[in-house]
Amino acid sequence: METIAKRKVGGIVAENFRTAKVFTEYGIDFCCKGGISLEAACEKHGVSIDKLIKDLNEVAVLAESVKYTDMGMSELIDHIVNTHHAFVEKSIPTLKSYLLKLAEVHGDRHPELLKIRDLFLEASDGLTAHMKKEELILFPFIKAMQAADDNGFPLSQPHFGHIDNPISMMEHEHDTEGERFRQMSELSNAYTTPTDGCQTYRVAFAMLSEFEEDLHTHIHLENNILFPKAKELYNSMNNR
């Protein structure tokens, strides 16, 4: 039987989503970099594996969270679009406005705001384009593939070739956005408002922190649950 130390971080979170909070507290990426073992993640971040496992076990005894792994792919896609894509679309305009204002008013005393502003503007453009590709190309194919399998129909081959092609692109773009937010967090000292920060400063940083947390969940659901399921079904249908 596989020990928890050898299990992949993303798989642990997929099984019990409450563990995401523990990994976040230890600075361990469970979404973009969730493909490494718990043991390797602890070694990389200088974390005591015994202490981390103890914290994970404490979380495990809590009431079960939503079982995303039990959702059908179509249901999971609807959840991603209606919850996480909608959150990104709703948050971007306000955050853009706040960060542009902060850079203009406080940028001379806090030049890191100029870089944070630029990184978020790049992220907002990147995520908007990324989500449209998912909603218009990849997600409809996955839904059609599941419907075909449910009804015993043959798989229609997509114009993009193998399903690995768009999934690899989406995962690469996830890595890009994850790195942008890692830089923003580092520049802002984990979104800590300086002593001379105004109310807008505090609100903007609180929103950025919330945005990054939601993005980690969003990426996790795709990289560690939806995409593996889609690839498994695609390969199964092509090998019949």
Protein backbone atom coordinates (compact mmCIF):
# COMPACT_ATOMS: atom_id res chain seq x y z
CA MET A 1 0.00 0.00 0.00
CA GLU A 2 1.33 3.44 -0.92
CA THR A 3 2.35 5.50 2.09
CA ILE A 4 1.18 9.10 2.37
CA ALA A 5 4.80 10.29 2.05
CA LYS A 6 4.95 8.82 -1.46
CA ARG A 7 1.58 10.17 -2.56
CA LYS A 8 1.36 13.17 -4.86
CA VAL A 9 0.39 16.46 -3.27
CA GLY A 10 -2.31 17.10 -5.88
CA GLY A 11 -3.81 13.68 -5.25
CA ILE A 12 -4.03 14.30 -1.51
CA VAL A 13 -5.91 17.56 -2.11
CA ALA A 14 -8.15 15.90 -4.71
CA GLU A 15 -9.20 13.30 -2.12
CA ASN A 16 -9.82 15.80 0.68
CA PHE A 17 -10.02 19.40 -0.40
CA ARG A 18 -9.64 20.70 3.16
CA THR A 19 -5.96 19.72 3.00
CA ALA A 20 -5.40 22.61 0.57
CA LYS A 21 -5.36 25.04 3.50
CA VAL A 22 -2.59 23.05 5.21
CA PHE A 23 -0.41 23.02 2.10
CA THR A 24 -0.97 26.74 1.60
CA GLU A 25 0.14 27.44 5.18
CA TYR A 26 3.38 25.57 4.51
CA GLY A 27 3.94 27.35 1.18
CA ILE A 28 3.54 24.14 -0.82
CA ASP A 29 1.95 24.52 -4.27
CA PHE A 30 -0.80 21.92 -4.64
CA CYS A 31 -2.05 23.08 -8.06
CA CYS A 32 0.62 23.83 -10.70
CA LYS A 33 3.32 21.83 -8.89
CA GLY A 34 1.01 19.22 -7.36
CA GLY A 35 2.58 16.36 -9.30
CA ILE A 36 5.40 15.78 -6.80
CA SER A 37 5.27 13.49 -3.78
CA LEU A 38 4.61 14.77 -0.27
CA GLU A 39 8.10 13.62 0.66
CA ALA A 40 9.71 15.58 -2.20
CA ALA A 41 7.62 18.70 -1.44
CA CYS A 42 8.71 18.66 2.20
CA GLU A 43 12.35 18.27 1.22
CA LYS A 44 12.09 21.10 -1.31
CA HIS A 45 10.51 23.53 1.17
CA GLY A 46 12.45 22.47 4.27
CA VAL A 47 9.29 21.28 6.02
CA SER A 48 9.09 18.56 8.68
CA ILE A 49 7.16 15.73 7.02
CA ASP A 50 6.07 14.37 10.42
CA LYS A 51 4.56 17.72 11.42
CA LEU A 52 2.88 18.15 8.03
CA ILE A 53 1.39 14.65 8.13
CA LYS A 54 0.11 15.35 11.66
CA ASP A 55 -1.61 18.53 10.41
CA LEU A 56 -3.04 16.67 7.42
CA ASN A 57 -4.40 13.92 9.67
CA GLU A 58 -6.09 16.53 11.88
CA VAL A 59 -7.80 17.97 8.81
CA ALA A 60 -8.84 14.49 7.66
CA VAL A 61 -11.01 13.94 10.73
CA LEU A 62 -13.12 17.00 9.92
CA ALA A 63 -16.37 16.65 8.01
CA GLU A 64 -15.76 15.74 4.38
CA SER A 65 -15.63 18.59 1.90
CA VAL A 66 -17.19 18.55 -1.53
CA LYS A 67 -16.08 15.41 -3.33
CA TYR A 68 -14.95 16.92 -6.60
CA THR A 69 -13.46 13.57 -7.59
CA ASP A 70 -16.96 12.06 -7.53
CA MET A 71 -18.36 14.65 -9.94
CA GLY A 72 -18.89 13.75 -13.58
CA MET A 73 -16.74 15.80 -15.93
CA SER A 74 -19.66 17.85 -17.24
CA GLU A 75 -20.75 18.72 -13.70
CA LEU A 76 -17.19 19.64 -12.73
CA ILE A 77 -16.82 21.84 -15.82
CA ASP A 78 -20.03 23.68 -14.96
CA HIS A 79 -18.74 24.22 -11.43
CA ILE A 80 -15.40 25.57 -12.71
CA VAL A 81 -17.05 27.95 -15.17
CA ASN A 82 -19.86 29.14 -12.90
CA THR A 83 -17.70 29.52 -9.80
CA HIS A 84 -14.07 30.16 -10.73
CA HIS A 85 -14.30 31.65 -14.23
CA ALA A 86 -17.11 33.89 -13.00
CA PHE A 87 -15.03 34.97 -10.00
CA VAL A 88 -12.09 35.94 -12.23
CA GLU A 89 -14.31 37.89 -14.62
CA LYS A 90 -16.03 39.74 -11.77
CA SER A 91 -12.81 40.55 -9.88
CA ILE A 92 -10.58 41.79 -12.70
CA PRO A 93 -12.16 45.23 -13.35
CA THR A 94 -12.14 46.28 -9.69
CA LEU A 95 -8.61 45.02 -9.06
CA LYS A 96 -7.34 46.76 -12.19
CA SER A 97 -8.85 50.04 -11.01
CA TYR A 98 -7.37 49.75 -7.51
CA LEU A 99 -3.89 48.74 -8.66
CA LEU A 100 -3.70 51.51 -11.25
CA LYS A 101 -4.69 54.01 -8.56
CA LEU A 102 -2.19 52.62 -6.03
CA ALA A 103 0.66 52.71 -8.52
CA GLU A 104 -0.13 56.33 -9.34
CA VAL A 105 -0.54 57.52 -5.74
CA HIS A 106 1.94 55.35 -3.84
CA GLY A 107 4.33 54.19 -6.56
CA ASP A 108 7.03 56.71 -5.67
CA ARG A 109 7.29 55.41 -2.08
CA HIS A 110 6.52 51.79 -2.97
CA PRO A 111 7.96 51.06 -6.43
CA GLU A 112 7.04 47.39 -6.06
CA LEU A 113 3.45 48.51 -6.78
CA LEU A 114 4.44 49.32 -10.37
CA LYS A 115 5.61 45.74 -10.92
CA ILE A 116 2.56 44.30 -9.14
CA ARG A 117 0.30 46.44 -11.35
CA ASP A 118 2.07 45.27 -14.51
CA LEU A 119 2.00 41.62 -13.45
CA PHE A 120 -1.72 41.76 -12.70
CA LEU A 121 -2.50 43.47 -16.02
CA GLU A 122 -0.60 40.69 -17.79
CA ALA A 123 -2.41 38.07 -15.71
CA SER A 124 -5.83 39.57 -16.40
CA ASP A 125 -5.24 39.49 -20.16
CA GLY A 126 -3.75 35.99 -19.99
CA LEU A 127 -6.54 34.54 -17.86
CA THR A 128 -9.29 36.12 -19.95
CA ALA A 129 -7.89 34.55 -23.14
CA HIS A 130 -7.17 31.27 -21.34
CA MET A 131 -10.72 30.88 -20.02
CA LYS A 132 -12.22 31.60 -23.44
CA LYS A 133 -10.10 28.83 -24.99
CA GLU A 134 -11.36 26.45 -22.34
CA GLU A 135 -14.99 27.50 -22.67
CA LEU A 136 -15.05 27.52 -26.48
CA ILE A 137 -12.74 24.61 -27.35
CA LEU A 138 -11.59 22.19 -24.65
CA PHE A 139 -14.57 22.09 -22.31
CA PRO A 140 -17.20 21.56 -25.06
CA PHE A 141 -15.11 18.67 -26.42
CA ILE A 142 -14.83 17.05 -23.00
CA LYS A 143 -18.58 17.37 -22.49
CA ALA A 144 -19.28 15.92 -25.95
CA MET A 145 -16.85 13.08 -25.28
CA GLN A 146 -18.57 12.21 -22.00
CA ALA A 147 -21.99 12.35 -23.68
CA ALA A 148 -20.77 10.06 -26.47
CA ASP A 149 -19.43 7.57 -23.93
CA ASP A 150 -22.63 7.69 -21.87
CA ASN A 151 -24.73 6.94 -24.98
CA GLY A 152 -22.42 4.38 -26.56
CA PHE A 153 -21.46 6.54 -29.53
CA PRO A 154 -18.01 6.53 -31.15
CA LEU A 155 -15.63 9.37 -30.37
CA SER A 156 -15.49 12.15 -32.95
CA GLN A 157 -11.91 13.22 -33.48
CA PRO A 158 -11.30 16.88 -32.58
CA HIS A 159 -9.66 19.37 -34.92
CA PHE A 160 -6.82 19.88 -32.42
CA GLY A 161 -5.66 16.28 -32.71
CA HIS A 162 -4.92 14.39 -29.51
CA ILE A 163 -6.49 15.74 -26.33
CA ASP A 164 -3.00 16.05 -24.85
CA ASN A 165 -2.41 19.05 -27.13
CA PRO A 166 -4.91 21.54 -25.63
CA ILE A 167 -4.47 20.14 -22.13
CA SER A 168 -0.70 20.63 -22.29
CA MET A 169 -1.28 24.21 -23.45
CA MET A 170 -3.72 24.88 -20.60
CA GLU A 171 -1.32 23.42 -18.04
CA HIS A 172 1.53 25.55 -19.40
CA GLU A 173 -0.66 28.65 -19.10
CA HIS A 174 -1.59 27.63 -15.54
CA ASP A 175 2.12 27.52 -14.71
CA THR A 176 2.58 30.99 -16.20
CA GLU A 177 -0.21 32.51 -14.12
CA GLY A 178 0.88 30.66 -11.00
CA GLU A 179 4.36 32.16 -11.40
CA ARG A 180 2.96 35.67 -11.91
CA PHE A 181 1.03 35.46 -8.65
CA ARG A 182 4.01 33.95 -6.85
CA GLN A 183 5.96 37.06 -7.86
CA MET A 184 3.15 39.37 -6.75
CA SER A 185 2.98 37.65 -3.38
CA GLU A 186 6.74 37.93 -2.95
CA LEU A 187 6.81 41.61 -3.95
CA SER A 188 4.01 42.42 -1.50
CA ASN A 189 5.35 40.32 1.39
CA ALA A 190 2.37 37.96 1.09
CA TYR A 191 -0.01 40.87 0.44
CA THR A 192 0.90 42.70 3.64
CA THR A 193 -0.17 46.36 3.65
CA PRO A 194 2.64 48.72 4.73
CA THR A 195 2.10 51.01 7.72
CA ASP A 196 1.50 54.01 5.46
CA GLY A 197 -1.00 52.13 3.30
CA CYS A 198 -4.47 53.60 2.83
CA GLN A 199 -7.80 51.77 2.87
CA THR A 200 -7.62 51.19 -0.89
CA TYR A 201 -4.19 49.64 -0.35
CA ARG A 202 -5.61 47.20 2.23
CA VAL A 203 -8.63 46.33 0.13
CA ALA A 204 -6.57 45.77 -3.04
CA PHE A 205 -4.10 43.48 -1.28
CA ALA A 206 -6.91 41.55 0.42
CA MET A 207 -8.55 41.08 -2.99
CA LEU A 208 -5.26 39.97 -4.57
CA SER A 209 -4.79 37.40 -1.82
CA GLU A 210 -8.34 36.12 -2.34
CA PHE A 211 -7.79 36.07 -6.12
CA GLU A 212 -4.64 33.97 -5.76
CA GLU A 213 -6.32 31.55 -3.36
CA ASP A 214 -9.22 31.07 -5.75
CA LEU A 215 -6.81 30.64 -8.66
CA HIS A 216 -5.00 27.84 -6.83
CA THR A 217 -8.31 26.04 -6.30
CA HIS A 218 -9.32 26.67 -9.91
CA ILE A 219 -6.06 25.29 -11.31
CA HIS A 220 -6.12 22.33 -8.94
CA LEU A 221 -9.58 21.24 -10.11
CA GLU A 222 -8.41 21.26 -13.71
CA ASN A 223 -4.84 19.95 -13.45
CA ASN A 224 -5.41 17.27 -10.83
CA ILE A 225 -9.01 16.13 -11.40
CA LEU A 226 -10.62 17.20 -14.70
CA PHE A 227 -7.68 16.81 -17.07
CA PRO A 228 -6.58 13.35 -15.86
CA LYS A 229 -10.19 12.12 -16.13
CA ALA A 230 -10.51 13.56 -19.65
CA LYS A 231 -7.26 11.98 -20.82
CA GLU A 232 -8.22 8.63 -19.33
CA LEU A 233 -11.60 8.60 -21.10
CA TYR A 234 -10.11 9.82 -24.40
CA ASN A 235 -7.52 7.04 -24.40
CA SER A 236 -10.10 4.45 -23.37
CA MET A 237 -12.48 5.42 -26.18
CA ASN A 238 -9.69 5.44 -28.77
CA ASN A 239 -8.55 1.95 -27.76
CA ARG A 240 -11.92 0.25 -28.12
